[in-house]
Amino acid sequence: MQITQTVKIMGTLLESGDKKGEWRLRGFGPDVNYPSSLVLEPQKRHYVVGLDSNGHRHELPPLEPDELAFDAT
């Protein structure tokens, strides 16, 4: 199983420096002039059943939420 998660940076993390053409890394957080934040998208899980002779993964097809329903009766 492999889990991936996308992290989006909203806003800007750079600010102009003291010299022309110079840039500095800003921090995260609210700022009146340059708001920035991180947005985490939901994790995605990739299930594999093994590797072929070339080392490529054989992924199982994604499951839809209704396919995950289980009736124990």
PDB file of N, CA and C in Angstrom:
ATOM      1  N   MET A   1       0.847  -1.170   0.000  1.00  0.00           N
ATOM      2  CA  MET A   1       0.000   0.000   0.000  1.00  0.00           C
ATOM      3  C   MET A   1       0.896   1.238   0.000  1.00  0.00           C
ATOM      4  N   GLN A   2       0.479   2.241  -0.736  1.00  0.00           N
ATOM      5  CA  GLN A   2       1.189   3.508  -0.786  1.00  0.00           C
ATOM      6  C   GLN A   2       0.179   4.600  -0.475  1.00  0.00           C
ATOM      7  N   ILE A   3       0.540   5.531   0.386  1.00  0.00           N
ATOM      8  CA  ILE A   3      -0.347   6.649   0.741  1.00  0.00           C
ATOM      9  C   ILE A   3       0.287   7.932   0.230  1.00  0.00           C
ATOM     10  N   THR A   4      -0.509   8.723  -0.505  1.00  0.00           N
ATOM     11  CA  THR A   4      -0.030  10.027  -0.971  1.00  0.00           C
ATOM     12  C   THR A   4      -0.951  11.116  -0.435  1.00  0.00           C
ATOM     13  N   GLN A   5      -0.394  12.293  -0.262  1.00  0.00           N
ATOM     14  CA  GLN A   5      -1.195  13.434   0.188  1.00  0.00           C
ATOM     15  C   GLN A   5      -0.625  14.689  -0.446  1.00  0.00           C
ATOM     16  N   THR A   6      -1.501  15.504  -1.009  1.00  0.00           N
ATOM     17  CA  THR A   6      -1.087  16.745  -1.655  1.00  0.00           C
ATOM     18  C   THR A   6      -1.167  17.887  -0.653  1.00  0.00           C
ATOM     19  N   VAL A   7      -0.113  18.693  -0.614  1.00  0.00           N
ATOM     20  CA  VAL A   7      -0.062  19.878   0.243  1.00  0.00           C
ATOM     21  C   VAL A   7      -0.018  21.090  -0.678  1.00  0.00           C
ATOM     22  N   LYS A   8      -0.998  21.973  -0.543  1.00  0.00           N
ATOM     23  CA  LYS A   8      -1.028  23.193  -1.361  1.00  0.00           C
ATOM     24  C   LYS A   8      -0.601  24.374  -0.504  1.00  0.00           C
ATOM     25  N   ILE A   9       0.239  25.226  -1.066  1.00  0.00           N
ATOM     26  CA  ILE A   9       0.643  26.455  -0.400  1.00  0.00           C
ATOM     27  C   ILE A   9      -0.198  27.568  -0.987  1.00  0.00           C
ATOM     28  N   MET A  10      -1.008  28.185  -0.161  1.00  0.00           N
ATOM     29  CA  MET A  10      -1.876  29.270  -0.605  1.00  0.00           C
ATOM     30  C   MET A  10      -1.237  30.594  -0.177  1.00  0.00           C
ATOM     31  N   GLY A  11      -1.189  31.532  -1.080  1.00  0.00           N
ATOM     32  CA  GLY A  11      -0.563  32.809  -0.762  1.00  0.00           C
ATOM     33  C   GLY A  11       0.879  32.799  -1.230  1.00  0.00           C
ATOM     34  N   THR A  12       1.698  33.625  -0.616  1.00  0.00           N
ATOM     35  CA  THR A  12       3.093  33.717  -1.025  1.00  0.00           C
ATOM     36  C   THR A  12       4.013  33.459   0.158  1.00  0.00           C
ATOM     37  N   LEU A  13       5.130  32.820  -0.110  1.00  0.00           N
ATOM     38  CA  LEU A  13       6.118  32.561   0.932  1.00  0.00           C
ATOM     39  C   LEU A  13       7.383  33.388   0.734  1.00  0.00           C
ATOM     40  N   LEU A  14       7.389  34.229  -0.303  1.00  0.00           N
ATOM     41  CA  LEU A  14       8.558  35.049  -0.586  1.00  0.00           C
ATOM     42  C   LEU A  14       8.248  36.520  -0.372  1.00  0.00           C
ATOM     43  N   GLU A  15       9.252  37.254   0.072  1.00  0.00           N
ATOM     44  CA  GLU A  15       9.137  38.708   0.169  1.00  0.00           C
ATOM     45  C   GLU A  15      10.412  39.311  -0.398  1.00  0.00           C
ATOM     46  N   SER A  16      10.309  40.512  -0.897  1.00  0.00           N
ATOM     47  CA  SER A  16      11.491  41.136  -1.488  1.00  0.00           C
ATOM     48  C   SER A  16      12.499  41.461  -0.395  1.00  0.00           C
ATOM     49  N   GLY A  17      13.781  41.303  -0.754  1.00  0.00           N
ATOM     50  CA  GLY A  17      14.859  41.555   0.197  1.00  0.00           C
ATOM     51  C   GLY A  17      15.309  43.000   0.180  1.00  0.00           C
ATOM     52  N   ASP A  18      16.440  43.237   0.828  1.00  0.00           N
ATOM     53  CA  ASP A  18      16.983  44.596   0.940  1.00  0.00           C
ATOM     54  C   ASP A  18      17.581  45.094  -0.378  1.00  0.00           C
ATOM     55  N   LYS A  19      18.132  44.179  -1.160  1.00  0.00           N
ATOM     56  CA  LYS A  19      18.762  44.562  -2.423  1.00  0.00           C
ATOM     57  C   LYS A  19      17.831  44.234  -3.581  1.00  0.00           C
ATOM     58  N   LYS A  20      18.033  44.900  -4.707  1.00  0.00           N
ATOM     59  CA  LYS A  20      17.227  44.659  -5.892  1.00  0.00           C
ATOM     60  C   LYS A  20      17.438  43.217  -6.384  1.00  0.00           C
ATOM     61  N   GLY A  21      16.346  42.500  -6.635  1.00  0.00           N
ATOM     62  CA  GLY A  21      16.426  41.133  -7.109  1.00  0.00           C
ATOM     63  C   GLY A  21      16.642  40.105  -6.011  1.00  0.00           C
ATOM     64  N   GLU A  22      16.691  40.537  -4.767  1.00  0.00           N
ATOM     65  CA  GLU A  22      16.889  39.613  -3.651  1.00  0.00           C
ATOM     66  C   GLU A  22      15.533  39.231  -3.055  1.00  0.00           C
ATOM     67  N   TRP A  23      15.393  37.972  -2.687  1.00  0.00           N
ATOM     68  CA  TRP A  23      14.147  37.479  -2.094  1.00  0.00           C
ATOM     69  C   TRP A  23      14.446  36.743  -0.800  1.00  0.00           C
ATOM     70  N   ARG A  24      13.514  36.813   0.141  1.00  0.00           N
ATOM     71  CA  ARG A  24      13.641  36.094   1.414  1.00  0.00           C
ATOM     72  C   ARG A  24      12.426  35.208   1.592  1.00  0.00           C
ATOM     73  N   LEU A  25      12.641  34.100   2.280  1.00  0.00           N
ATOM     74  CA  LEU A  25      11.545  33.194   2.599  1.00  0.00           C
ATOM     75  C   LEU A  25      10.798  33.730   3.811  1.00  0.00           C
ATOM     76  N   ARG A  26       9.490  33.875   3.654  1.00  0.00           N
ATOM     77  CA  ARG A  26       8.643  34.330   4.758  1.00  0.00           C
ATOM     78  C   ARG A  26       8.146  33.122   5.528  1.00  0.00           C
ATOM     79  N   GLY A  27       7.540  33.328   6.640  1.00  0.00           N
ATOM     80  CA  GLY A  27       6.949  32.243   7.406  1.00  0.00           C
ATOM     81  C   GLY A  27       5.505  32.018   6.999  1.00  0.00           C
ATOM     82  N   PHE A  28       4.882  31.005   7.575  1.00  0.00           N
ATOM     83  CA  PHE A  28       3.466  30.754   7.359  1.00  0.00           C
ATOM     84  C   PHE A  28       2.666  31.534   8.380  1.00  0.00           C
ATOM     85  N   GLY A  29       1.451  31.852   8.036  1.00  0.00           N
ATOM     86  CA  GLY A  29       0.554  32.471   8.999  1.00  0.00           C
ATOM     87  C   GLY A  29      -0.097  33.708   8.450  1.00  0.00           C
ATOM     88  N   PRO A  30      -1.072  34.210   9.194  1.00  0.00           N
ATOM     89  CA  PRO A  30      -1.812  35.388   8.720  1.00  0.00           C
ATOM     90  C   PRO A  30      -0.932  36.632   8.707  1.00  0.00           C
ATOM     91  N   ASP A  31      -1.078  37.404   7.682  1.00  0.00           N
ATOM     92  CA  ASP A  31      -0.366  38.667   7.531  1.00  0.00           C
ATOM     93  C   ASP A  31      -1.293  39.567   6.725  1.00  0.00           C
ATOM     94  N   VAL A  32      -1.412  40.796   7.112  1.00  0.00           N
ATOM     95  CA  VAL A  32      -2.341  41.710   6.447  1.00  0.00           C
ATOM     96  C   VAL A  32      -2.005  41.868   4.967  1.00  0.00           C
ATOM     97  N   ASN A  33      -0.725  41.950   4.649  1.00  0.00           N
ATOM     98  CA  ASN A  33      -0.318  42.198   3.270  1.00  0.00           C
ATOM     99  C   ASN A  33      -0.188  40.925   2.434  1.00  0.00           C
ATOM    100  N   TYR A  34       0.296  39.862   3.012  1.00  0.00           N
ATOM    101  CA  TYR A  34       0.551  38.630   2.267  1.00  0.00           C
ATOM    102  C   TYR A  34       0.086  37.428   3.076  1.00  0.00           C
ATOM    103  N   PRO A  35      -1.212  37.126   3.060  1.00  0.00           N
ATOM    104  CA  PRO A  35      -1.664  35.956   3.813  1.00  0.00           C
ATOM    105  C   PRO A  35      -1.149  34.665   3.158  1.00  0.00           C
ATOM    106  N   SER A  36      -0.736  33.732   3.979  1.00  0.00           N
ATOM    107  CA  SER A  36      -0.290  32.443   3.452  1.00  0.00           C
ATOM    108  C   SER A  36      -0.791  31.344   4.372  1.00  0.00           C
ATOM    109  N   SER A  37      -1.031  30.188   3.796  1.00  0.00           N
ATOM    110  CA  SER A  37      -1.494  29.057   4.595  1.00  0.00           C
ATOM    111  C   SER A  37      -1.227  27.767   3.833  1.00  0.00           C
ATOM    112  N   LEU A  38      -1.304  26.660   4.550  1.00  0.00           N
ATOM    113  CA  LEU A  38      -1.176  25.344   3.950  1.00  0.00           C
ATOM    114  C   LEU A  38      -2.545  24.698   3.892  1.00  0.00           C
ATOM    115  N   VAL A  39      -2.838  24.033   2.790  1.00  0.00           N
ATOM    116  CA  VAL A  39      -4.095  23.290   2.650  1.00  0.00           C
ATOM    117  C   VAL A  39      -3.724  21.842   2.370  1.00  0.00           C
ATOM    118  N   LEU A  40      -4.163  20.939   3.242  1.00  0.00           N
ATOM    119  CA  LEU A  40      -3.905  19.506   3.052  1.00  0.00           C
ATOM    120  C   LEU A  40      -5.114  18.872   2.401  1.00  0.00           C
ATOM    121  N   GLU A  41      -4.902  18.212   1.290  1.00  0.00           N
ATOM    122  CA  GLU A  41      -5.992  17.489   0.636  1.00  0.00           C
ATOM    123  C   GLU A  41      -6.096  16.105   1.273  1.00  0.00           C
ATOM    124  N   PRO A  42      -7.238  15.449   1.133  1.00  0.00           N
ATOM    125  CA  PRO A  42      -7.388  14.111   1.718  1.00  0.00           C
ATOM    126  C   PRO A  42      -6.329  13.139   1.188  1.00  0.00           C
ATOM    127  N   GLN A  43      -5.947  12.212   2.043  1.00  0.00           N
ATOM    128  CA  GLN A  43      -4.979  11.197   1.639  1.00  0.00           C
ATOM    129  C   GLN A  43      -5.587  10.271   0.599  1.00  0.00           C
ATOM    130  N   LYS A  44      -4.738   9.766  -0.278  1.00  0.00           N
ATOM    131  CA  LYS A  44      -5.164   8.768  -1.261  1.00  0.00           C
ATOM    132  C   LYS A  44      -4.350   7.518  -1.004  1.00  0.00           C
ATOM    133  N   ARG A  45      -5.022   6.378  -1.000  1.00  0.00           N
ATOM    134  CA  ARG A  45      -4.342   5.103  -0.781  1.00  0.00           C
ATOM    135  C   ARG A  45      -4.306   4.320  -2.085  1.00  0.00           C
ATOM    136  N   HIS A  46      -3.150   3.784  -2.400  1.00  0.00           N
ATOM    137  CA  HIS A  46      -2.948   2.991  -3.602  1.00  0.00           C
ATOM    138  C   HIS A  46      -2.553   1.590  -3.152  1.00  0.00           C
ATOM    139  N   TYR A  47      -3.354   0.607  -3.519  1.00  0.00           N
ATOM    140  CA  TYR A  47      -3.080  -0.776  -3.153  1.00  0.00           C
ATOM    141  C   TYR A  47      -2.473  -1.499  -4.341  1.00  0.00           C
ATOM    142  N   VAL A  48      -1.418  -2.232  -4.091  1.00  0.00           N
ATOM    143  CA  VAL A  48      -0.753  -2.979  -5.153  1.00  0.00           C
ATOM    144  C   VAL A  48      -0.745  -4.464  -4.808  1.00  0.00           C
ATOM    145  N   VAL A  49      -0.760  -5.286  -5.832  1.00  0.00           N
ATOM    146  CA  VAL A  49      -0.754  -6.734  -5.613  1.00  0.00           C
ATOM    147  C   VAL A  49       0.612  -7.343  -5.905  1.00  0.00           C
ATOM    148  N   GLY A  50       1.548  -6.580  -6.377  1.00  0.00           N
ATOM    149  CA  GLY A  50       2.882  -7.106  -6.632  1.00  0.00           C
ATOM    150  C   GLY A  50       3.550  -6.392  -7.791  1.00  0.00           C
ATOM    151  N   LEU A  51       4.746  -6.826  -8.085  1.00  0.00           N
ATOM    152  CA  LEU A  51       5.533  -6.237  -9.156  1.00  0.00           C
ATOM    153  C   LEU A  51       5.676  -7.236 -10.295  1.00  0.00           C
ATOM    154  N   ASP A  52       5.734  -6.715 -11.527  1.00  0.00           N
ATOM    155  CA  ASP A  52       5.983  -7.604 -12.656  1.00  0.00           C
ATOM    156  C   ASP A  52       7.497  -7.753 -12.847  1.00  0.00           C
ATOM    157  N   SER A  53       7.911  -8.452 -13.881  1.00  0.00           N
ATOM    158  CA  SER A  53       9.341  -8.706 -14.090  1.00  0.00           C
ATOM    159  C   SER A  53      10.128  -7.427 -14.388  1.00  0.00           C
ATOM    160  N   ASN A  54       9.419  -6.372 -14.809  1.00  0.00           N
ATOM    161  CA  ASN A  54      10.077  -5.090 -15.073  1.00  0.00           C
ATOM    162  C   ASN A  54      10.079  -4.169 -13.861  1.00  0.00           C
ATOM    163  N   GLY A  55       9.513  -4.635 -12.768  1.00  0.00           N
ATOM    164  CA  GLY A  55       9.481  -3.822 -11.553  1.00  0.00           C
ATOM    165  C   GLY A  55       8.322  -2.842 -11.487  1.00  0.00           C
ATOM    166  N   HIS A  56       7.359  -2.953 -12.420  1.00  0.00           N
ATOM    167  CA  HIS A  56       6.196  -2.066 -12.394  1.00  0.00           C
ATOM    168  C   HIS A  56       5.150  -2.615 -11.427  1.00  0.00           C
ATOM    169  N   ARG A  57       4.496  -1.716 -10.703  1.00  0.00           N
ATOM    170  CA  ARG A  57       3.469  -2.122  -9.756  1.00  0.00           C
ATOM    171  C   ARG A  57       2.164  -2.438 -10.468  1.00  0.00           C
ATOM    172  N   HIS A  58       1.465  -3.434  -9.974  1.00  0.00           N
ATOM    173  CA  HIS A  58       0.122  -3.753 -10.454  1.00  0.00           C
ATOM    174  C   HIS A  58      -0.855  -3.197  -9.430  1.00  0.00           C
ATOM    175  N   GLU A  59      -1.424  -2.025  -9.749  1.00  0.00           N
ATOM    176  CA  GLU A  59      -2.355  -1.389  -8.812  1.00  0.00           C
ATOM    177  C   GLU A  59      -3.745  -1.963  -8.969  1.00  0.00           C
ATOM    178  N   LEU A  60      -4.436  -2.075  -7.847  1.00  0.00           N
ATOM    179  CA  LEU A  60      -5.836  -2.455  -7.878  1.00  0.00           C
ATOM    180  C   LEU A  60      -6.645  -1.235  -8.299  1.00  0.00           C
ATOM    181  N   PRO A  61      -7.788  -1.413  -8.955  1.00  0.00           N
ATOM    182  CA  PRO A  61      -8.593  -0.251  -9.344  1.00  0.00           C
ATOM    183  C   PRO A  61      -9.126   0.451  -8.102  1.00  0.00           C
ATOM    184  N   PRO A  62      -9.323   1.784  -8.173  1.00  0.00           N
ATOM    185  CA  PRO A  62      -9.840   2.514  -7.018  1.00  0.00           C
ATOM    186  C   PRO A  62     -11.243   2.037  -6.658  1.00  0.00           C
ATOM    187  N   LEU A  63     -11.539   2.012  -5.383  1.00  0.00           N
ATOM    188  CA  LEU A  63     -12.853   1.598  -4.908  1.00  0.00           C
ATOM    189  C   LEU A  63     -13.705   2.819  -4.632  1.00  0.00           C
ATOM    190  N   GLU A  64     -14.938   2.774  -5.050  1.00  0.00           N
ATOM    191  CA  GLU A  64     -15.882   3.849  -4.768  1.00  0.00           C
ATOM    192  C   GLU A  64     -16.465   3.622  -3.377  1.00  0.00           C
ATOM    193  N   PRO A  65     -16.894   4.678  -2.673  1.00  0.00           N
ATOM    194  CA  PRO A  65     -17.434   4.514  -1.316  1.00  0.00           C
ATOM    195  C   PRO A  65     -18.555   3.484  -1.216  1.00  0.00           C
ATOM    196  N   ASP A  66     -19.474   3.363  -2.231  1.00  0.00           N
ATOM    197  CA  ASP A  66     -20.563   2.368  -2.121  1.00  0.00           C
ATOM    198  C   ASP A  66     -20.013   0.954  -2.213  1.00  0.00           C
ATOM    199  N   GLU A  67     -18.880   0.762  -2.886  1.00  0.00           N
ATOM    200  CA  GLU A  67     -18.301  -0.568  -2.997  1.00  0.00           C
ATOM    201  C   GLU A  67     -17.682  -1.033  -1.681  1.00  0.00           C
ATOM    202  N   LEU A  68     -17.479  -0.098  -0.761  1.00  0.00           N
ATOM    203  CA  LEU A  68     -16.855  -0.436   0.514  1.00  0.00           C
ATOM    204  C   LEU A  68     -17.893  -0.853   1.562  1.00  0.00           C
ATOM    205  N   ALA A  69     -19.173  -0.737   1.224  1.00  0.00           N
ATOM    206  CA  ALA A  69     -20.219  -1.083   2.181  1.00  0.00           C
ATOM    207  C   ALA A  69     -20.174  -2.576   2.487  1.00  0.00           C
ATOM    208  N   PHE A  70     -20.402  -2.900   3.725  1.00  0.00           N
ATOM    209  CA  PHE A  70     -20.337  -4.291   4.161  1.00  0.00           C
ATOM    210  C   PHE A  70     -21.577  -4.610   4.957  1.00  0.00           C
ATOM    211  N   ASP A  71     -22.264  -5.643   4.574  1.00  0.00           N
ATOM    212  CA  ASP A  71     -23.472  -6.059   5.279  1.00  0.00           C
ATOM    213  C   ASP A  71     -23.162  -7.345   6.022  1.00  0.00           C
ATOM    214  N   ALA A  72     -23.133  -7.277   7.353  1.00  0.00           N
ATOM    215  CA  ALA A  72     -22.759  -8.429   8.170  1.00  0.00           C
ATOM    216  C   ALA A  72     -23.945  -9.331   8.484  1.00  0.00           C
ATOM    217  N   THR A  73     -25.125  -9.021   7.951  1.00  0.00           N
ATOM    218  CA  THR A  73     -26.290  -9.866   8.285  1.00  0.00           C
ATOM    219  C   THR A  73     -26.381 -11.068   7.389  1.00  0.00           C
TER     220      THR A  73
END
